[in-house]
ModelCIF file with pLDDT and N, C-alpha, C, O atoms, coordinates in Angstrom:
data_MODEL
#
_entry.id   MODEL 
#
_entity.id                         1 
_entity.type                       polymer 
_entity.pdbx_number_of_molecules   1 
#
_entity_poly.entity_id                      1 
_entity_poly.type                           'polypeptide(L)' 
_entity_poly.nstd_linkage                   no 
_entity_poly.nstd_monomer                   no 
_entity_poly.pdbx_seq_one_letter_code       CAFVLISQELAPLYARFHKRFGWKGKRWYATFEMARTFFMMNLIR 
_entity_poly.pdbx_seq_one_letter_code_can   CAFVLISQELAPLYARFHKRFGWKGKRWYATFEMARTFFMMNLIR 
_entity_poly.pdbx_strand_id                 A 
#
loop_
_entity_poly_seq.entity_id 
_entity_poly_seq.num 
_entity_poly_seq.mon_id 
_entity_poly_seq.hetero 
1 1  CYS n 
1 2  ALA n 
1 3  PHE n 
1 4  VAL n 
1 5  LEU n 
1 6  ILE n 
1 7  SER n 
1 8  GLN n 
1 9  GLU n 
1 10 LEU n 
1 11 ALA n 
1 12 PRO n 
1 13 LEU n 
1 14 TYR n 
1 15 ALA n 
1 16 ARG n 
1 17 PHE n 
1 18 HIS n 
1 19 LYS n 
1 20 ARG n 
1 21 PHE n 
1 22 GLY n 
1 23 TRP n 
1 24 LYS n 
1 25 GLY n 
1 26 LYS n 
1 27 ARG n 
1 28 TRP n 
1 29 TYR n 
1 30 ALA n 
1 31 THR n 
1 32 PHE n 
1 33 GLU n 
1 34 MET n 
1 35 ALA n 
1 36 ARG n 
1 37 THR n 
1 38 PHE n 
1 39 PHE n 
1 40 MET n 
1 41 MET n 
1 42 ASN n 
1 43 LEU n 
1 44 ILE n 
1 45 ARG n 
#
_struct_asym.id          A 
_struct_asym.entity_id   1 
#
loop_
_ma_qa_metric.id 
_ma_qa_metric.mode 
_ma_qa_metric.name 
_ma_qa_metric.software_group_id 
_ma_qa_metric.type 
1 global pLDDT . pLDDT 
2 local  pLDDT . pLDDT 
#
_ma_qa_metric_global.metric_id      1 
_ma_qa_metric_global.metric_value   87.62 
_ma_qa_metric_global.model_id       1 
_ma_qa_metric_global.ordinal_id     1 
#
loop_
_ma_qa_metric_local.label_asym_id 
_ma_qa_metric_local.label_comp_id 
_ma_qa_metric_local.label_seq_id 
_ma_qa_metric_local.metric_id 
_ma_qa_metric_local.metric_value 
_ma_qa_metric_local.model_id 
_ma_qa_metric_local.ordinal_id 
A CYS 1  2 93.00 1 1  
A ALA 2  2 92.00 1 2  
A PHE 3  2 92.00 1 3  
A VAL 4  2 91.00 1 4  
A LEU 5  2 90.00 1 5  
A ILE 6  2 89.00 1 6  
A SER 7  2 88.00 1 7  
A GLN 8  2 86.00 1 8  
A GLU 9  2 85.00 1 9  
A LEU 10 2 86.00 1 10 
A ALA 11 2 83.00 1 11 
A PRO 12 2 84.00 1 12 
A LEU 13 2 87.00 1 13 
A TYR 14 2 83.00 1 14 
A ALA 15 2 84.00 1 15 
A ARG 16 2 86.00 1 16 
A PHE 17 2 84.00 1 17 
A HIS 18 2 80.00 1 18 
A LYS 19 2 81.00 1 19 
A ARG 20 2 83.00 1 20 
A PHE 21 2 82.00 1 21 
A GLY 22 2 80.00 1 22 
A TRP 23 2 80.00 1 23 
A LYS 24 2 79.00 1 24 
A GLY 25 2 78.00 1 25 
A LYS 26 2 84.00 1 26 
A ARG 27 2 87.00 1 27 
A TRP 28 2 89.00 1 28 
A TYR 29 2 87.00 1 29 
A ALA 30 2 88.00 1 30 
A THR 31 2 91.00 1 31 
A PHE 32 2 92.00 1 32 
A GLU 33 2 90.00 1 33 
A MET 34 2 92.00 1 34 
A ALA 35 2 93.00 1 35 
A ARG 36 2 92.00 1 36 
A THR 37 2 93.00 1 37 
A PHE 38 2 94.00 1 38 
A PHE 39 2 92.00 1 39 
A MET 40 2 92.00 1 40 
A MET 41 2 93.00 1 41 
A ASN 42 2 93.00 1 42 
A LEU 43 2 92.00 1 43 
A ILE 44 2 92.00 1 44 
A ARG 45 2 91.00 1 45 
#
loop_
_atom_site.group_PDB 
_atom_site.id 
_atom_site.type_symbol 
_atom_site.label_atom_id 
_atom_site.label_alt_id 
_atom_site.label_comp_id 
_atom_site.label_asym_id 
_atom_site.label_entity_id 
_atom_site.label_seq_id 
_atom_site.pdbx_PDB_ins_code 
_atom_site.Cartn_x 
_atom_site.Cartn_y 
_atom_site.Cartn_z 
_atom_site.occupancy 
_atom_site.B_iso_or_equiv 
_atom_site.pdbx_formal_charge 
_atom_site.auth_seq_id 
_atom_site.auth_comp_id 
_atom_site.auth_asym_id 
_atom_site.auth_atom_id 
_atom_site.pdbx_PDB_model_num 
ATOM 1   N N  . CYS A 1 1  ? 74.280 144.480 53.981 1.00 93.00 ? 1  CYS A N  1 
ATOM 2   C CA . CYS A 1 1  ? 75.149 145.396 54.859 1.00 93.00 ? 1  CYS A CA 1 
ATOM 3   C C  . CYS A 1 1  ? 75.347 144.511 56.043 1.00 93.00 ? 1  CYS A C  1 
ATOM 4   O O  . CYS A 1 1  ? 76.495 144.363 56.460 1.00 93.00 ? 1  CYS A O  1 
ATOM 5   N N  . ALA A 1 2  ? 74.430 143.955 56.583 1.00 92.00 ? 2  ALA A N  1 
ATOM 6   C CA . ALA A 1 2  ? 74.332 143.331 58.021 1.00 92.00 ? 2  ALA A CA 1 
ATOM 7   C C  . ALA A 1 2  ? 75.016 141.969 57.699 1.00 92.00 ? 2  ALA A C  1 
ATOM 8   O O  . ALA A 1 2  ? 75.768 141.469 58.535 1.00 92.00 ? 2  ALA A O  1 
ATOM 9   N N  . PHE A 1 3  ? 74.826 141.491 56.767 1.00 92.00 ? 3  PHE A N  1 
ATOM 10  C CA . PHE A 1 3  ? 75.577 140.132 56.785 1.00 92.00 ? 3  PHE A CA 1 
ATOM 11  C C  . PHE A 1 3  ? 77.193 140.772 56.397 1.00 92.00 ? 3  PHE A C  1 
ATOM 12  O O  . PHE A 1 3  ? 77.932 140.683 57.378 1.00 92.00 ? 3  PHE A O  1 
ATOM 13  N N  . VAL A 1 4  ? 77.740 141.274 55.403 1.00 91.00 ? 4  VAL A N  1 
ATOM 14  C CA . VAL A 1 4  ? 78.820 141.738 55.304 1.00 91.00 ? 4  VAL A CA 1 
ATOM 15  C C  . VAL A 1 4  ? 79.366 142.336 56.610 1.00 91.00 ? 4  VAL A C  1 
ATOM 16  O O  . VAL A 1 4  ? 80.317 141.675 57.029 1.00 91.00 ? 4  VAL A O  1 
ATOM 17  N N  . LEU A 1 5  ? 79.121 143.146 57.198 1.00 90.00 ? 5  LEU A N  1 
ATOM 18  C CA . LEU A 1 5  ? 79.747 143.718 58.506 1.00 90.00 ? 5  LEU A CA 1 
ATOM 19  C C  . LEU A 1 5  ? 79.618 142.645 59.643 1.00 90.00 ? 5  LEU A C  1 
ATOM 20  O O  . LEU A 1 5  ? 80.433 142.750 60.559 1.00 90.00 ? 5  LEU A O  1 
ATOM 21  N N  . ILE A 1 6  ? 79.025 141.985 59.683 1.00 89.00 ? 6  ILE A N  1 
ATOM 22  C CA . ILE A 1 6  ? 78.675 140.683 61.071 1.00 89.00 ? 6  ILE A CA 1 
ATOM 23  C C  . ILE A 1 6  ? 80.098 139.678 60.560 1.00 89.00 ? 6  ILE A C  1 
ATOM 24  O O  . ILE A 1 6  ? 81.008 139.257 61.274 1.00 89.00 ? 6  ILE A O  1 
ATOM 25  N N  . SER A 1 7  ? 79.904 139.506 59.173 1.00 88.00 ? 7  SER A N  1 
ATOM 26  C CA . SER A 1 7  ? 81.623 138.643 59.082 1.00 88.00 ? 7  SER A CA 1 
ATOM 27  C C  . SER A 1 7  ? 82.543 139.289 59.230 1.00 88.00 ? 7  SER A C  1 
ATOM 28  O O  . SER A 1 7  ? 83.435 138.801 59.924 1.00 88.00 ? 7  SER A O  1 
ATOM 29  N N  . GLN A 1 8  ? 82.750 140.681 58.648 1.00 86.00 ? 8  GLN A N  1 
ATOM 30  C CA . GLN A 1 8  ? 84.154 141.179 59.001 1.00 86.00 ? 8  GLN A CA 1 
ATOM 31  C C  . GLN A 1 8  ? 84.331 141.376 60.597 1.00 86.00 ? 8  GLN A C  1 
ATOM 32  O O  . GLN A 1 8  ? 85.478 141.515 61.022 1.00 86.00 ? 8  GLN A O  1 
ATOM 33  N N  . GLU A 1 9  ? 83.234 141.393 61.502 1.00 85.00 ? 9  GLU A N  1 
ATOM 34  C CA . GLU A 1 9  ? 83.336 141.512 62.924 1.00 85.00 ? 9  GLU A CA 1 
ATOM 35  C C  . GLU A 1 9  ? 83.634 140.461 63.558 1.00 85.00 ? 9  GLU A C  1 
ATOM 36  O O  . GLU A 1 9  ? 84.254 140.638 64.606 1.00 85.00 ? 9  GLU A O  1 
ATOM 37  N N  . LEU A 1 10 ? 83.351 139.239 63.210 1.00 86.00 ? 10 LEU A N  1 
ATOM 38  C CA . LEU A 1 10 ? 83.694 138.129 63.357 1.00 86.00 ? 10 LEU A CA 1 
ATOM 39  C C  . LEU A 1 10 ? 84.615 137.281 62.740 1.00 86.00 ? 10 LEU A C  1 
ATOM 40  O O  . LEU A 1 10 ? 84.602 136.073 62.980 1.00 86.00 ? 10 LEU A O  1 
ATOM 41  N N  . ALA A 1 11 ? 85.397 137.781 61.984 1.00 83.00 ? 11 ALA A N  1 
ATOM 42  C CA . ALA A 1 11 ? 86.702 137.300 61.289 1.00 83.00 ? 11 ALA A CA 1 
ATOM 43  C C  . ALA A 1 11 ? 87.770 136.798 62.191 1.00 83.00 ? 11 ALA A C  1 
ATOM 44  O O  . ALA A 1 11 ? 88.471 135.869 61.789 1.00 83.00 ? 11 ALA A O  1 
ATOM 45  N N  . PRO A 1 12 ? 87.993 137.371 63.506 1.00 84.00 ? 12 PRO A N  1 
ATOM 46  C CA . PRO A 1 12 ? 88.869 136.893 64.450 1.00 84.00 ? 12 PRO A CA 1 
ATOM 47  C C  . PRO A 1 12 ? 88.501 135.416 65.201 1.00 84.00 ? 12 PRO A C  1 
ATOM 48  O O  . PRO A 1 12 ? 89.167 134.447 65.566 1.00 84.00 ? 12 PRO A O  1 
ATOM 49  N N  . LEU A 1 13 ? 87.123 135.775 65.226 1.00 87.00 ? 13 LEU A N  1 
ATOM 50  C CA . LEU A 1 13 ? 86.601 134.390 65.932 1.00 87.00 ? 13 LEU A CA 1 
ATOM 51  C C  . LEU A 1 13 ? 86.773 133.059 64.846 1.00 87.00 ? 13 LEU A C  1 
ATOM 52  O O  . LEU A 1 13 ? 87.030 131.906 65.192 1.00 87.00 ? 13 LEU A O  1 
ATOM 53  N N  . TYR A 1 14 ? 86.565 133.534 63.471 1.00 83.00 ? 14 TYR A N  1 
ATOM 54  C CA . TYR A 1 14 ? 86.603 132.362 62.459 1.00 83.00 ? 14 TYR A CA 1 
ATOM 55  C C  . TYR A 1 14 ? 88.076 132.003 62.375 1.00 83.00 ? 14 TYR A C  1 
ATOM 56  O O  . TYR A 1 14 ? 88.478 130.881 62.067 1.00 83.00 ? 14 TYR A O  1 
ATOM 57  N N  . ALA A 1 15 ? 88.885 133.082 62.686 1.00 84.00 ? 15 ALA A N  1 
ATOM 58  C CA . ALA A 1 15 ? 90.082 132.615 62.343 1.00 84.00 ? 15 ALA A CA 1 
ATOM 59  C C  . ALA A 1 15 ? 90.870 131.617 63.651 1.00 84.00 ? 15 ALA A C  1 
ATOM 60  O O  . ALA A 1 15 ? 91.910 130.967 63.554 1.00 84.00 ? 15 ALA A O  1 
ATOM 61  N N  . ARG A 1 16 ? 89.996 131.768 64.812 1.00 86.00 ? 16 ARG A N  1 
ATOM 62  C CA . ARG A 1 16 ? 90.211 130.836 65.898 1.00 86.00 ? 16 ARG A CA 1 
ATOM 63  C C  . ARG A 1 16 ? 89.639 129.446 65.770 1.00 86.00 ? 16 ARG A C  1 
ATOM 64  O O  . ARG A 1 16 ? 89.980 128.435 66.384 1.00 86.00 ? 16 ARG A O  1 
ATOM 65  N N  . PHE A 1 17 ? 88.632 129.604 64.784 1.00 84.00 ? 17 PHE A N  1 
ATOM 66  C CA . PHE A 1 17 ? 87.688 128.380 64.946 1.00 84.00 ? 17 PHE A CA 1 
ATOM 67  C C  . PHE A 1 17 ? 88.573 127.394 63.979 1.00 84.00 ? 17 PHE A C  1 
ATOM 68  O O  . PHE A 1 17 ? 88.881 126.220 64.184 1.00 84.00 ? 17 PHE A O  1 
ATOM 69  N N  . HIS A 1 18 ? 88.850 128.140 62.990 1.00 80.00 ? 18 HIS A N  1 
ATOM 70  C CA . HIS A 1 18 ? 89.532 127.175 61.876 1.00 80.00 ? 18 HIS A CA 1 
ATOM 71  C C  . HIS A 1 18 ? 91.022 126.650 62.330 1.00 80.00 ? 18 HIS A C  1 
ATOM 72  O O  . HIS A 1 18 ? 91.435 125.536 62.009 1.00 80.00 ? 18 HIS A O  1 
ATOM 73  N N  . LYS A 1 19 ? 91.836 127.654 63.175 1.00 81.00 ? 19 LYS A N  1 
ATOM 74  C CA . LYS A 1 19 ? 93.010 127.147 63.604 1.00 81.00 ? 19 LYS A CA 1 
ATOM 75  C C  . LYS A 1 19 ? 92.720 125.909 64.430 1.00 81.00 ? 19 LYS A C  1 
ATOM 76  O O  . LYS A 1 19 ? 93.522 124.977 64.364 1.00 81.00 ? 19 LYS A O  1 
ATOM 77  N N  . ARG A 1 20 ? 91.471 125.798 65.329 1.00 83.00 ? 20 ARG A N  1 
ATOM 78  C CA . ARG A 1 20 ? 91.443 124.826 66.375 1.00 83.00 ? 20 ARG A CA 1 
ATOM 79  C C  . ARG A 1 20 ? 91.028 123.602 65.616 1.00 83.00 ? 20 ARG A C  1 
ATOM 80  O O  . ARG A 1 20 ? 91.476 122.521 65.996 1.00 83.00 ? 20 ARG A O  1 
ATOM 81  N N  . PHE A 1 21 ? 90.183 123.654 64.538 1.00 82.00 ? 21 PHE A N  1 
ATOM 82  C CA . PHE A 1 21 ? 89.446 122.510 64.205 1.00 82.00 ? 21 PHE A CA 1 
ATOM 83  C C  . PHE A 1 21 ? 90.157 121.962 62.489 1.00 82.00 ? 21 PHE A C  1 
ATOM 84  O O  . PHE A 1 21 ? 90.102 120.898 61.872 1.00 82.00 ? 21 PHE A O  1 
ATOM 85  N N  . GLY A 1 22 ? 90.879 123.494 62.161 1.00 80.00 ? 22 GLY A N  1 
ATOM 86  C CA . GLY A 1 22 ? 91.595 122.878 60.887 1.00 80.00 ? 22 GLY A CA 1 
ATOM 87  C C  . GLY A 1 22 ? 90.883 122.219 59.407 1.00 80.00 ? 22 GLY A C  1 
ATOM 88  O O  . GLY A 1 22 ? 91.405 121.563 58.505 1.00 80.00 ? 22 GLY A O  1 
ATOM 89  N N  . TRP A 1 23 ? 89.472 122.706 59.599 1.00 80.00 ? 23 TRP A N  1 
ATOM 90  C CA . TRP A 1 23 ? 88.734 122.352 58.274 1.00 80.00 ? 23 TRP A CA 1 
ATOM 91  C C  . TRP A 1 23 ? 88.766 123.194 57.016 1.00 80.00 ? 23 TRP A C  1 
ATOM 92  O O  . TRP A 1 23 ? 88.195 122.917 55.961 1.00 80.00 ? 23 TRP A O  1 
ATOM 93  N N  . LYS A 1 24 ? 89.709 124.545 57.338 1.00 79.00 ? 24 LYS A N  1 
ATOM 94  C CA . LYS A 1 24 ? 89.424 125.325 56.218 1.00 79.00 ? 24 LYS A CA 1 
ATOM 95  C C  . LYS A 1 24 ? 90.240 125.065 54.804 1.00 79.00 ? 24 LYS A C  1 
ATOM 96  O O  . LYS A 1 24 ? 90.177 125.876 53.880 1.00 79.00 ? 24 LYS A O  1 
ATOM 97  N N  . GLY A 1 25 ? 90.783 124.209 54.756 1.00 78.00 ? 25 GLY A N  1 
ATOM 98  C CA . GLY A 1 25 ? 91.350 123.777 53.579 1.00 78.00 ? 25 GLY A CA 1 
ATOM 99  C C  . GLY A 1 25 ? 91.133 122.523 53.007 1.00 78.00 ? 25 GLY A C  1 
ATOM 100 O O  . GLY A 1 25 ? 91.917 122.065 52.176 1.00 78.00 ? 25 GLY A O  1 
ATOM 101 N N  . LYS A 1 26 ? 89.759 121.704 53.521 1.00 84.00 ? 26 LYS A N  1 
ATOM 102 C CA . LYS A 1 26 ? 89.498 120.625 53.113 1.00 84.00 ? 26 LYS A CA 1 
ATOM 103 C C  . LYS A 1 26 ? 88.212 120.960 52.193 1.00 84.00 ? 26 LYS A C  1 
ATOM 104 O O  . LYS A 1 26 ? 87.517 121.915 52.540 1.00 84.00 ? 26 LYS A O  1 
ATOM 105 N N  . ARG A 1 27 ? 87.877 120.269 51.103 1.00 87.00 ? 27 ARG A N  1 
ATOM 106 C CA . ARG A 1 27 ? 87.311 120.282 49.967 1.00 87.00 ? 27 ARG A CA 1 
ATOM 107 C C  . ARG A 1 27 ? 85.921 120.324 50.725 1.00 87.00 ? 27 ARG A C  1 
ATOM 108 O O  . ARG A 1 27 ? 85.185 121.236 50.348 1.00 87.00 ? 27 ARG A O  1 
ATOM 109 N N  . TRP A 1 28 ? 85.432 119.511 51.717 1.00 89.00 ? 28 TRP A N  1 
ATOM 110 C CA . TRP A 1 28 ? 84.026 119.433 52.006 1.00 89.00 ? 28 TRP A CA 1 
ATOM 111 C C  . TRP A 1 28 ? 83.454 120.777 52.661 1.00 89.00 ? 28 TRP A C  1 
ATOM 112 O O  . TRP A 1 28 ? 82.303 121.210 52.623 1.00 89.00 ? 28 TRP A O  1 
ATOM 113 N N  . TYR A 1 29 ? 84.590 121.308 53.272 1.00 87.00 ? 29 TYR A N  1 
ATOM 114 C CA . TYR A 1 29 ? 83.980 122.366 54.207 1.00 87.00 ? 29 TYR A CA 1 
ATOM 115 C C  . TYR A 1 29 ? 84.079 123.600 53.210 1.00 87.00 ? 29 TYR A C  1 
ATOM 116 O O  . TYR A 1 29 ? 83.440 124.579 53.596 1.00 87.00 ? 29 TYR A O  1 
ATOM 117 N N  . ALA A 1 30 ? 84.659 123.729 52.171 1.00 88.00 ? 30 ALA A N  1 
ATOM 118 C CA . ALA A 1 30 ? 84.585 124.734 51.029 1.00 88.00 ? 30 ALA A CA 1 
ATOM 119 C C  . ALA A 1 30 ? 83.490 124.508 50.630 1.00 88.00 ? 30 ALA A C  1 
ATOM 120 O O  . ALA A 1 30 ? 82.768 125.505 50.619 1.00 88.00 ? 30 ALA A O  1 
ATOM 121 N N  . THR A 1 31 ? 82.814 123.130 50.110 1.00 91.00 ? 31 THR A N  1 
ATOM 122 C CA . THR A 1 31 ? 81.406 122.864 49.700 1.00 91.00 ? 31 THR A CA 1 
ATOM 123 C C  . THR A 1 31 ? 80.762 123.362 50.789 1.00 91.00 ? 31 THR A C  1 
ATOM 124 O O  . THR A 1 31 ? 80.205 124.365 50.344 1.00 91.00 ? 31 THR A O  1 
ATOM 125 N N  . PHE A 1 32 ? 80.472 123.265 52.055 1.00 92.00 ? 32 PHE A N  1 
ATOM 126 C CA . PHE A 1 32 ? 79.797 123.676 52.925 1.00 92.00 ? 32 PHE A CA 1 
ATOM 127 C C  . PHE A 1 32 ? 79.833 125.350 52.994 1.00 92.00 ? 32 PHE A C  1 
ATOM 128 O O  . PHE A 1 32 ? 78.861 126.090 53.143 1.00 92.00 ? 32 PHE A O  1 
ATOM 129 N N  . GLU A 1 33 ? 80.976 125.658 52.870 1.00 90.00 ? 33 GLU A N  1 
ATOM 130 C CA . GLU A 1 33 ? 80.965 127.343 52.865 1.00 90.00 ? 33 GLU A CA 1 
ATOM 131 C C  . GLU A 1 33 ? 79.992 127.772 51.507 1.00 90.00 ? 33 GLU A C  1 
ATOM 132 O O  . GLU A 1 33 ? 79.123 128.619 51.713 1.00 90.00 ? 33 GLU A O  1 
ATOM 133 N N  . MET A 1 34 ? 80.101 127.316 50.410 1.00 92.00 ? 34 MET A N  1 
ATOM 134 C CA . MET A 1 34 ? 79.589 127.829 49.337 1.00 92.00 ? 34 MET A CA 1 
ATOM 135 C C  . MET A 1 34 ? 78.038 127.410 49.285 1.00 92.00 ? 34 MET A C  1 
ATOM 136 O O  . MET A 1 34 ? 77.279 128.054 48.561 1.00 92.00 ? 34 MET A O  1 
ATOM 137 N N  . ALA A 1 35 ? 77.601 126.410 49.998 1.00 93.00 ? 35 ALA A N  1 
ATOM 138 C CA . ALA A 1 35 ? 76.206 126.067 50.055 1.00 93.00 ? 35 ALA A CA 1 
ATOM 139 C C  . ALA A 1 35 ? 75.525 126.920 51.008 1.00 93.00 ? 35 ALA A C  1 
ATOM 140 O O  . ALA A 1 35 ? 74.351 127.261 50.862 1.00 93.00 ? 35 ALA A O  1 
ATOM 141 N N  . ARG A 1 36 ? 76.402 127.335 52.181 1.00 92.00 ? 36 ARG A N  1 
ATOM 142 C CA . ARG A 1 36 ? 75.941 128.207 53.236 1.00 92.00 ? 36 ARG A CA 1 
ATOM 143 C C  . ARG A 1 36 ? 75.745 129.594 52.441 1.00 92.00 ? 36 ARG A C  1 
ATOM 144 O O  . ARG A 1 36 ? 74.624 130.093 52.342 1.00 92.00 ? 36 ARG A O  1 
ATOM 145 N N  . THR A 1 37 ? 76.639 130.062 52.002 1.00 93.00 ? 37 THR A N  1 
ATOM 146 C CA . THR A 1 37 ? 76.362 131.415 51.486 1.00 93.00 ? 37 THR A CA 1 
ATOM 147 C C  . THR A 1 37 ? 75.347 131.603 50.155 1.00 93.00 ? 37 THR A C  1 
ATOM 148 O O  . THR A 1 37 ? 74.697 132.614 49.892 1.00 93.00 ? 37 THR A O  1 
ATOM 149 N N  . PHE A 1 38 ? 75.398 130.257 49.335 1.00 94.00 ? 38 PHE A N  1 
ATOM 150 C CA . PHE A 1 38 ? 74.048 130.417 48.537 1.00 94.00 ? 38 PHE A CA 1 
ATOM 151 C C  . PHE A 1 38 ? 72.437 130.226 49.196 1.00 94.00 ? 38 PHE A C  1 
ATOM 152 O O  . PHE A 1 38 ? 71.384 130.475 48.609 1.00 94.00 ? 38 PHE A O  1 
ATOM 153 N N  . PHE A 1 39 ? 72.573 129.820 50.292 1.00 92.00 ? 39 PHE A N  1 
ATOM 154 C CA . PHE A 1 39 ? 71.286 129.649 50.801 1.00 92.00 ? 39 PHE A CA 1 
ATOM 155 C C  . PHE A 1 39 ? 71.029 130.760 51.469 1.00 92.00 ? 39 PHE A C  1 
ATOM 156 O O  . PHE A 1 39 ? 69.834 131.036 51.567 1.00 92.00 ? 39 PHE A O  1 
ATOM 157 N N  . MET A 1 40 ? 71.884 131.573 52.022 1.00 92.00 ? 40 MET A N  1 
ATOM 158 C CA . MET A 1 40 ? 71.876 132.983 52.688 1.00 92.00 ? 40 MET A CA 1 
ATOM 159 C C  . MET A 1 40 ? 71.438 134.103 51.746 1.00 92.00 ? 40 MET A C  1 
ATOM 160 O O  . MET A 1 40 ? 70.567 134.946 51.962 1.00 92.00 ? 40 MET A O  1 
ATOM 161 N N  . MET A 1 41 ? 72.202 133.957 50.660 1.00 93.00 ? 41 MET A N  1 
ATOM 162 C CA . MET A 1 41 ? 71.926 135.035 49.518 1.00 93.00 ? 41 MET A CA 1 
ATOM 163 C C  . MET A 1 41 ? 70.396 134.722 49.031 1.00 93.00 ? 41 MET A C  1 
ATOM 164 O O  . MET A 1 41 ? 69.579 135.635 48.911 1.00 93.00 ? 41 MET A O  1 
ATOM 165 N N  . ASN A 1 42 ? 70.052 133.245 48.740 1.00 93.00 ? 42 ASN A N  1 
ATOM 166 C CA . ASN A 1 42 ? 68.730 133.293 48.200 1.00 93.00 ? 42 ASN A CA 1 
ATOM 167 C C  . ASN A 1 42 ? 67.603 133.974 49.202 1.00 93.00 ? 42 ASN A C  1 
ATOM 168 O O  . ASN A 1 42 ? 66.529 134.419 48.798 1.00 93.00 ? 42 ASN A O  1 
ATOM 169 N N  . LEU A 1 43 ? 67.998 133.974 50.449 1.00 92.00 ? 43 LEU A N  1 
ATOM 170 C CA . LEU A 1 43 ? 66.898 134.452 51.141 1.00 92.00 ? 43 LEU A CA 1 
ATOM 171 C C  . LEU A 1 43 ? 66.739 135.634 51.493 1.00 92.00 ? 43 LEU A C  1 
ATOM 172 O O  . LEU A 1 43 ? 65.773 136.148 52.057 1.00 92.00 ? 43 LEU A O  1 
ATOM 173 N N  . ILE A 1 44 ? 67.967 136.202 51.063 1.00 92.00 ? 44 ILE A N  1 
ATOM 174 C CA . ILE A 1 44 ? 68.000 137.912 50.965 1.00 92.00 ? 44 ILE A CA 1 
ATOM 175 C C  . ILE A 1 44 ? 67.179 138.260 49.517 1.00 92.00 ? 44 ILE A C  1 
ATOM 176 O O  . ILE A 1 44 ? 66.273 139.084 49.397 1.00 92.00 ? 44 ILE A O  1 
ATOM 177 N N  . ARG A 1 45 ? 67.679 137.506 48.584 1.00 91.00 ? 45 ARG A N  1 
ATOM 178 C CA . ARG A 1 45 ? 67.141 137.843 47.455 1.00 91.00 ? 45 ARG A CA 1 
ATOM 179 C C  . ARG A 1 45 ? 65.802 137.996 47.241 1.00 91.00 ? 45 ARG A C  1 
ATOM 180 O O  . ARG A 1 45 ? 65.388 138.319 46.128 1.00 91.00 ? 45 ARG A O  1 
#
Protein backbone atom coordinates (compact mmCIF):
# COMPACT_ATOMS: atom_id res chain seq x y z
CA CYS A 1 0.00 0.00 0.00
CA ALA A 2 2.78 2.44 0.92
CA PHE A 3 4.70 1.87 -2.31
CA VAL A 4 1.57 2.30 -4.46
CA LEU A 5 0.35 5.45 -2.69
CA ILE A 6 3.78 7.08 -2.52
CA SER A 7 4.24 6.46 -6.25
CA GLN A 8 0.88 8.10 -6.93
CA GLU A 9 1.79 11.13 -4.81
CA LEU A 10 5.14 11.52 -6.53
CA ALA A 11 3.66 11.21 -10.04
CA PRO A 12 3.90 14.99 -10.74
CA LEU A 13 7.54 14.96 -9.61
CA TYR A 14 8.23 11.99 -11.90
CA ALA A 15 6.60 13.84 -14.80
CA ARG A 16 8.84 16.88 -14.29
CA PHE A 17 11.89 14.64 -13.99
CA HIS A 18 11.11 12.84 -17.25
CA LYS A 19 10.39 16.10 -19.02
CA ARG A 20 13.72 17.50 -17.85
CA PHE A 21 15.93 14.50 -18.80
CA GLY A 22 13.91 12.82 -21.56
CA TRP A 23 14.77 9.27 -20.48
CA LYS A 24 11.24 7.89 -20.36
CA GLY A 25 11.06 6.52 -23.91
CA LYS A 26 14.53 4.98 -23.96
CA ARG A 27 14.95 1.23 -23.83
CA TRP A 28 17.69 1.28 -21.21
CA TYR A 29 15.51 3.33 -18.88
CA ALA A 30 12.58 0.95 -19.34
CA THR A 31 14.94 -1.91 -18.40
CA PHE A 32 16.00 0.04 -15.31
CA GLU A 33 12.35 0.57 -14.30
CA MET A 34 11.60 -3.14 -14.64
CA ALA A 35 14.70 -4.10 -12.64
CA ARG A 36 13.83 -1.54 -9.95
CA THR A 37 10.29 -2.88 -9.63
CA PHE A 38 11.53 -6.48 -9.57
CA PHE A 39 13.97 -5.65 -6.76
CA MET A 40 11.37 -3.76 -4.69
CA MET A 41 8.77 -6.51 -5.03
CA ASN A 42 11.34 -9.16 -4.11
CA LEU A 43 12.08 -7.33 -0.86
CA ILE A 44 8.38 -6.99 -0.01
CA ARG A 45 7.56 -10.57 -0.95
